[in-house]
C-alpha cells in the first residue's frame, strides 16, 4: 500500500477497507506516522473524512449509531499506533528547562 502511494500519490482499497473503511484509513494514517510521511498522513485523513462525511453521513443516510463501531475502532488504532505528542512536548519542554 505504501508503494501504491509512492507510485500513484494515493492508495487503493483492499479487503481490510471493505470490512471497515474508517479503520483501514486509520491504519494507513498510523503507518504514515511511523514512516514520517506527512503527505500520506494527509491523504489518509482526507480519505477518512470523505468516508465519514460523504459516504456514511450523506449518501447512505446511516445514522450515528450505525457508524459508532467504526469510529471507535479508528480511535483505538490511532491511540494504539501513534505517539502521544503532548507527552513528547512535555518531555521536551522539561528537558529544555533542566538543561539551562
N, C-alpha and C. Protein backbone atom coordinates (compact mmCIF):
# COMPACT_ATOMS: atom_id res chain seq x y z
N UNK A 1 0.81 -1.18 0.00
CA UNK A 1 0.00 0.00 0.00
C UNK A 1 0.87 1.26 0.00
N UNK A 2 1.98 1.25 0.74
CA UNK A 2 2.87 2.40 0.72
C UNK A 2 3.49 2.57 -0.66
N UNK A 3 3.81 1.46 -1.30
CA UNK A 3 4.37 1.51 -2.66
C UNK A 3 3.33 2.10 -3.61
N UNK A 4 2.07 1.71 -3.45
CA UNK A 4 0.99 2.30 -4.26
C UNK A 4 0.97 3.81 -4.08
N UNK A 5 1.07 4.24 -2.83
CA UNK A 5 1.05 5.68 -2.56
C UNK A 5 2.25 6.37 -3.22
N UNK A 6 3.42 5.78 -3.10
CA UNK A 6 4.62 6.37 -3.71
C UNK A 6 4.49 6.47 -5.22
N UNK A 7 3.86 5.50 -5.82
CA UNK A 7 3.75 5.47 -7.27
C UNK A 7 2.58 6.32 -7.78
N UNK A 8 1.42 6.21 -7.13
CA UNK A 8 0.21 6.87 -7.62
C UNK A 8 -0.17 8.14 -6.86
N UNK A 9 0.42 8.37 -5.70
CA UNK A 9 0.05 9.54 -4.90
C UNK A 9 -1.21 9.32 -4.09
N UNK A 10 -1.69 8.10 -4.04
CA UNK A 10 -2.84 7.72 -3.24
C UNK A 10 -2.73 6.23 -2.94
N UNK A 11 -3.68 5.69 -2.24
CA UNK A 11 -3.71 4.24 -2.01
C UNK A 11 -5.09 3.73 -2.35
N UNK A 12 -5.17 2.46 -2.58
CA UNK A 12 -6.41 1.86 -3.05
C UNK A 12 -6.98 0.92 -2.00
N UNK A 13 -8.25 0.69 -2.12
CA UNK A 13 -8.93 -0.16 -1.13
C UNK A 13 -8.53 -1.61 -1.31
N UNK A 14 -8.61 -2.29 -0.21
CA UNK A 14 -8.35 -3.71 -0.20
C UNK A 14 -9.43 -4.40 0.61
N UNK A 15 -9.18 -5.64 0.96
CA UNK A 15 -10.17 -6.39 1.74
C UNK A 15 -10.40 -5.76 3.10
N UNK A 16 -9.34 -5.21 3.72
CA UNK A 16 -9.49 -4.56 5.03
C UNK A 16 -10.42 -3.37 4.94
N UNK A 17 -10.29 -2.60 3.87
CA UNK A 17 -11.12 -1.40 3.74
C UNK A 17 -12.58 -1.77 3.51
N UNK A 18 -12.82 -2.82 2.77
CA UNK A 18 -14.20 -3.22 2.51
C UNK A 18 -14.90 -3.61 3.80
N UNK A 19 -14.18 -4.23 4.74
CA UNK A 19 -14.77 -4.64 6.01
C UNK A 19 -15.05 -3.44 6.91
N UNK A 20 -14.12 -2.52 6.99
CA UNK A 20 -14.27 -1.35 7.84
C UNK A 20 -13.40 -0.22 7.29
N UNK A 21 -13.93 0.57 6.38
CA UNK A 21 -13.12 1.58 5.70
C UNK A 21 -12.46 2.60 6.64
N UNK A 22 -13.17 3.04 7.66
CA UNK A 22 -12.60 4.06 8.55
C UNK A 22 -11.39 3.51 9.31
N UNK A 23 -11.47 2.28 9.77
CA UNK A 23 -10.35 1.65 10.47
C UNK A 23 -9.18 1.47 9.50
N UNK A 24 -9.47 1.12 8.26
CA UNK A 24 -8.42 0.99 7.25
C UNK A 24 -7.67 2.31 7.07
N UNK A 25 -8.41 3.41 6.95
CA UNK A 25 -7.77 4.73 6.80
C UNK A 25 -6.98 5.10 8.05
N UNK A 26 -7.47 4.72 9.22
CA UNK A 26 -6.73 4.97 10.46
C UNK A 26 -5.42 4.19 10.47
N UNK A 27 -5.44 2.96 9.98
CA UNK A 27 -4.22 2.15 9.90
C UNK A 27 -3.21 2.78 8.95
N UNK A 28 -3.71 3.31 7.83
CA UNK A 28 -2.81 3.99 6.88
C UNK A 28 -2.21 5.22 7.54
N UNK A 29 -3.03 5.97 8.27
CA UNK A 29 -2.55 7.15 8.99
C UNK A 29 -1.45 6.77 9.98
N UNK A 30 -1.68 5.69 10.74
CA UNK A 30 -0.69 5.24 11.72
C UNK A 30 0.61 4.81 11.03
N UNK A 31 0.50 4.13 9.90
CA UNK A 31 1.68 3.74 9.15
C UNK A 31 2.44 4.99 8.67
N UNK A 32 1.71 5.96 8.16
CA UNK A 32 2.34 7.19 7.69
C UNK A 32 3.04 7.92 8.83
N UNK A 33 2.45 7.89 10.00
CA UNK A 33 3.08 8.49 11.18
C UNK A 33 4.39 7.78 11.49
N UNK A 34 4.36 6.47 11.47
CA UNK A 34 5.56 5.68 11.76
C UNK A 34 6.64 5.95 10.72
N UNK A 35 6.25 6.10 9.46
CA UNK A 35 7.21 6.35 8.38
C UNK A 35 7.57 7.82 8.25
N UNK A 36 6.93 8.67 9.04
CA UNK A 36 7.11 10.12 9.00
C UNK A 36 6.84 10.67 7.61
N UNK A 37 5.77 10.20 7.02
CA UNK A 37 5.35 10.62 5.68
C UNK A 37 4.11 11.50 5.82
N UNK A 38 4.34 12.80 5.98
CA UNK A 38 3.22 13.71 6.24
C UNK A 38 2.23 13.78 5.09
N UNK A 39 2.70 13.61 3.88
CA UNK A 39 1.78 13.68 2.75
C UNK A 39 0.83 12.48 2.73
N UNK A 40 1.32 11.30 3.11
CA UNK A 40 0.45 10.13 3.21
C UNK A 40 -0.53 10.29 4.36
N UNK A 41 -0.08 10.89 5.46
CA UNK A 41 -1.00 11.17 6.57
C UNK A 41 -2.14 12.07 6.10
N UNK A 42 -1.81 13.06 5.30
CA UNK A 42 -2.84 13.97 4.78
C UNK A 42 -3.83 13.23 3.90
N UNK A 43 -3.34 12.33 3.05
CA UNK A 43 -4.23 11.56 2.18
C UNK A 43 -5.13 10.66 3.01
N UNK A 44 -4.57 10.00 4.03
CA UNK A 44 -5.36 9.12 4.88
C UNK A 44 -6.43 9.90 5.63
N UNK A 45 -6.07 11.06 6.15
CA UNK A 45 -7.04 11.90 6.85
C UNK A 45 -8.13 12.38 5.91
N UNK A 46 -7.74 12.77 4.70
CA UNK A 46 -8.72 13.20 3.70
C UNK A 46 -9.67 12.05 3.35
N UNK A 47 -9.13 10.86 3.14
CA UNK A 47 -9.97 9.71 2.80
C UNK A 47 -10.91 9.34 3.95
N UNK A 48 -10.42 9.41 5.18
CA UNK A 48 -11.27 9.12 6.33
C UNK A 48 -12.37 10.16 6.46
N UNK A 49 -12.03 11.41 6.26
CA UNK A 49 -13.02 12.49 6.32
C UNK A 49 -14.06 12.33 5.23
N UNK A 50 -13.60 12.02 4.03
CA UNK A 50 -14.54 11.81 2.92
C UNK A 50 -15.47 10.63 3.20
N UNK A 51 -14.92 9.56 3.77
CA UNK A 51 -15.76 8.41 4.12
C UNK A 51 -16.82 8.82 5.12
N UNK A 52 -16.39 9.53 6.14
CA UNK A 52 -17.32 9.90 7.20
C UNK A 52 -18.40 10.85 6.71
N UNK A 53 -18.01 11.91 6.07
CA UNK A 53 -18.98 12.92 5.64
C UNK A 53 -19.73 12.52 4.39
N UNK A 54 -19.03 12.02 3.42
CA UNK A 54 -19.66 11.73 2.14
C UNK A 54 -20.40 10.41 2.11
N UNK A 55 -19.66 9.36 2.27
CA UNK A 55 -20.24 8.03 2.11
C UNK A 55 -21.23 7.68 3.20
N UNK A 56 -20.86 7.91 4.43
CA UNK A 56 -21.67 7.40 5.53
C UNK A 56 -22.77 8.37 5.95
N UNK A 57 -22.47 9.64 6.05
CA UNK A 57 -23.46 10.56 6.57
C UNK A 57 -24.33 11.16 5.46
N UNK A 58 -23.78 11.32 4.28
CA UNK A 58 -24.51 11.98 3.23
C UNK A 58 -25.28 11.07 2.31
N UNK A 59 -24.59 10.15 1.67
CA UNK A 59 -25.20 9.36 0.61
C UNK A 59 -26.07 8.22 1.12
N UNK A 60 -25.58 7.50 2.12
CA UNK A 60 -26.31 6.31 2.52
C UNK A 60 -27.28 6.56 3.67
N UNK A 61 -27.28 7.78 4.20
CA UNK A 61 -28.19 8.16 5.28
C UNK A 61 -28.12 7.24 6.48
N UNK A 62 -26.95 6.75 6.80
CA UNK A 62 -26.80 5.95 8.01
C UNK A 62 -26.88 6.87 9.21
N UNK A 63 -27.44 6.36 10.27
CA UNK A 63 -27.48 7.20 11.45
C UNK A 63 -26.20 6.98 12.26
N UNK A 64 -26.02 7.83 13.23
CA UNK A 64 -24.78 7.82 14.01
C UNK A 64 -24.56 6.50 14.72
N UNK A 65 -25.60 5.87 15.20
CA UNK A 65 -25.45 4.60 15.91
C UNK A 65 -24.83 3.51 15.05
N UNK A 66 -25.05 3.57 13.75
CA UNK A 66 -24.52 2.55 12.85
C UNK A 66 -23.03 2.73 12.57
N UNK A 67 -22.51 3.94 12.75
CA UNK A 67 -21.09 4.15 12.45
C UNK A 67 -20.23 4.23 13.71
N UNK A 68 -20.85 4.22 14.89
CA UNK A 68 -20.07 4.31 16.13
C UNK A 68 -19.02 3.21 16.22
N UNK A 69 -19.31 1.94 15.90
CA UNK A 69 -18.25 0.92 15.97
C UNK A 69 -17.04 1.25 15.08
N UNK A 70 -17.28 1.80 13.91
CA UNK A 70 -16.17 2.18 13.03
C UNK A 70 -15.36 3.32 13.63
N UNK A 71 -16.04 4.29 14.18
CA UNK A 71 -15.36 5.43 14.79
C UNK A 71 -14.52 4.96 15.98
N UNK A 72 -15.10 4.13 16.83
CA UNK A 72 -14.36 3.63 17.99
C UNK A 72 -13.17 2.77 17.56
N UNK A 73 -13.34 1.98 16.53
CA UNK A 73 -12.22 1.19 16.01
C UNK A 73 -11.10 2.05 15.50
N UNK A 74 -11.45 3.12 14.78
CA UNK A 74 -10.43 4.03 14.25
C UNK A 74 -9.71 4.76 15.38
N UNK A 75 -10.45 5.18 16.40
CA UNK A 75 -9.83 5.85 17.55
C UNK A 75 -8.85 4.90 18.24
N UNK A 76 -9.24 3.66 18.39
CA UNK A 76 -8.37 2.67 19.01
C UNK A 76 -7.07 2.50 18.23
N UNK A 77 -7.17 2.43 16.92
CA UNK A 77 -5.97 2.28 16.08
C UNK A 77 -5.06 3.49 16.26
N UNK A 78 -5.62 4.69 16.21
CA UNK A 78 -4.82 5.91 16.32
C UNK A 78 -4.14 5.99 17.69
N UNK A 79 -4.89 5.76 18.75
CA UNK A 79 -4.30 5.83 20.08
C UNK A 79 -3.26 4.75 20.33
N UNK A 80 -3.44 3.60 19.75
CA UNK A 80 -2.52 2.49 19.96
C UNK A 80 -1.24 2.63 19.14
N UNK A 81 -1.35 3.16 17.93
CA UNK A 81 -0.23 3.10 17.00
C UNK A 81 0.41 4.43 16.64
N UNK A 82 0.03 5.50 17.31
CA UNK A 82 0.69 6.78 17.07
C UNK A 82 1.21 7.31 18.41
N UNK A 83 2.29 8.10 18.37
CA UNK A 83 2.85 8.60 19.63
C UNK A 83 1.97 9.67 20.25
N UNK A 84 2.07 9.81 21.55
CA UNK A 84 1.36 10.85 22.28
C UNK A 84 2.21 12.12 22.21
N UNK A 85 1.87 13.01 21.30
CA UNK A 85 2.72 14.19 21.10
C UNK A 85 2.64 15.16 22.28
N UNK A 86 1.57 15.15 23.03
CA UNK A 86 1.51 16.03 24.20
C UNK A 86 2.53 15.57 25.24
N UNK A 87 2.71 14.25 25.38
CA UNK A 87 3.72 13.71 26.30
C UNK A 87 5.12 14.07 25.80
N UNK A 88 5.35 13.92 24.49
CA UNK A 88 6.65 14.24 23.92
C UNK A 88 6.96 15.73 24.07
N UNK A 89 5.95 16.57 23.87
CA UNK A 89 6.15 18.02 24.01
C UNK A 89 6.48 18.36 25.46
N UNK A 90 5.79 17.74 26.40
CA UNK A 90 6.06 17.98 27.83
C UNK A 90 7.46 17.52 28.18
N UNK A 91 7.86 16.35 27.71
CA UNK A 91 9.20 15.82 27.98
C UNK A 91 10.26 16.75 27.41
N UNK A 92 10.02 17.25 26.18
CA UNK A 92 10.96 18.17 25.54
C UNK A 92 11.08 19.46 26.34
N UNK A 93 9.95 20.02 26.75
CA UNK A 93 10.00 21.29 27.48
C UNK A 93 10.64 21.10 28.85
N UNK A 94 10.39 19.96 29.51
CA UNK A 94 11.01 19.66 30.78
C UNK A 94 12.53 19.56 30.64
N UNK A 95 12.99 18.88 29.59
CA UNK A 95 14.42 18.72 29.38
C UNK A 95 15.06 20.05 29.01
N UNK A 96 14.36 20.91 28.31
CA UNK A 96 14.89 22.22 27.95
C UNK A 96 15.07 23.08 29.20
N UNK A 97 14.15 22.99 30.14
CA UNK A 97 14.26 23.75 31.40
C UNK A 97 15.42 23.24 32.22
N UNK A 98 15.58 21.92 32.29
CA UNK A 98 16.65 21.34 33.12
C UNK A 98 18.04 21.52 32.51
N UNK A 99 18.12 21.76 31.22
CA UNK A 99 19.41 21.90 30.55
C UNK A 99 19.91 23.32 30.53
N UNK A 100 19.18 24.24 31.12
CA UNK A 100 19.62 25.65 31.10
C UNK A 100 20.75 25.89 32.05
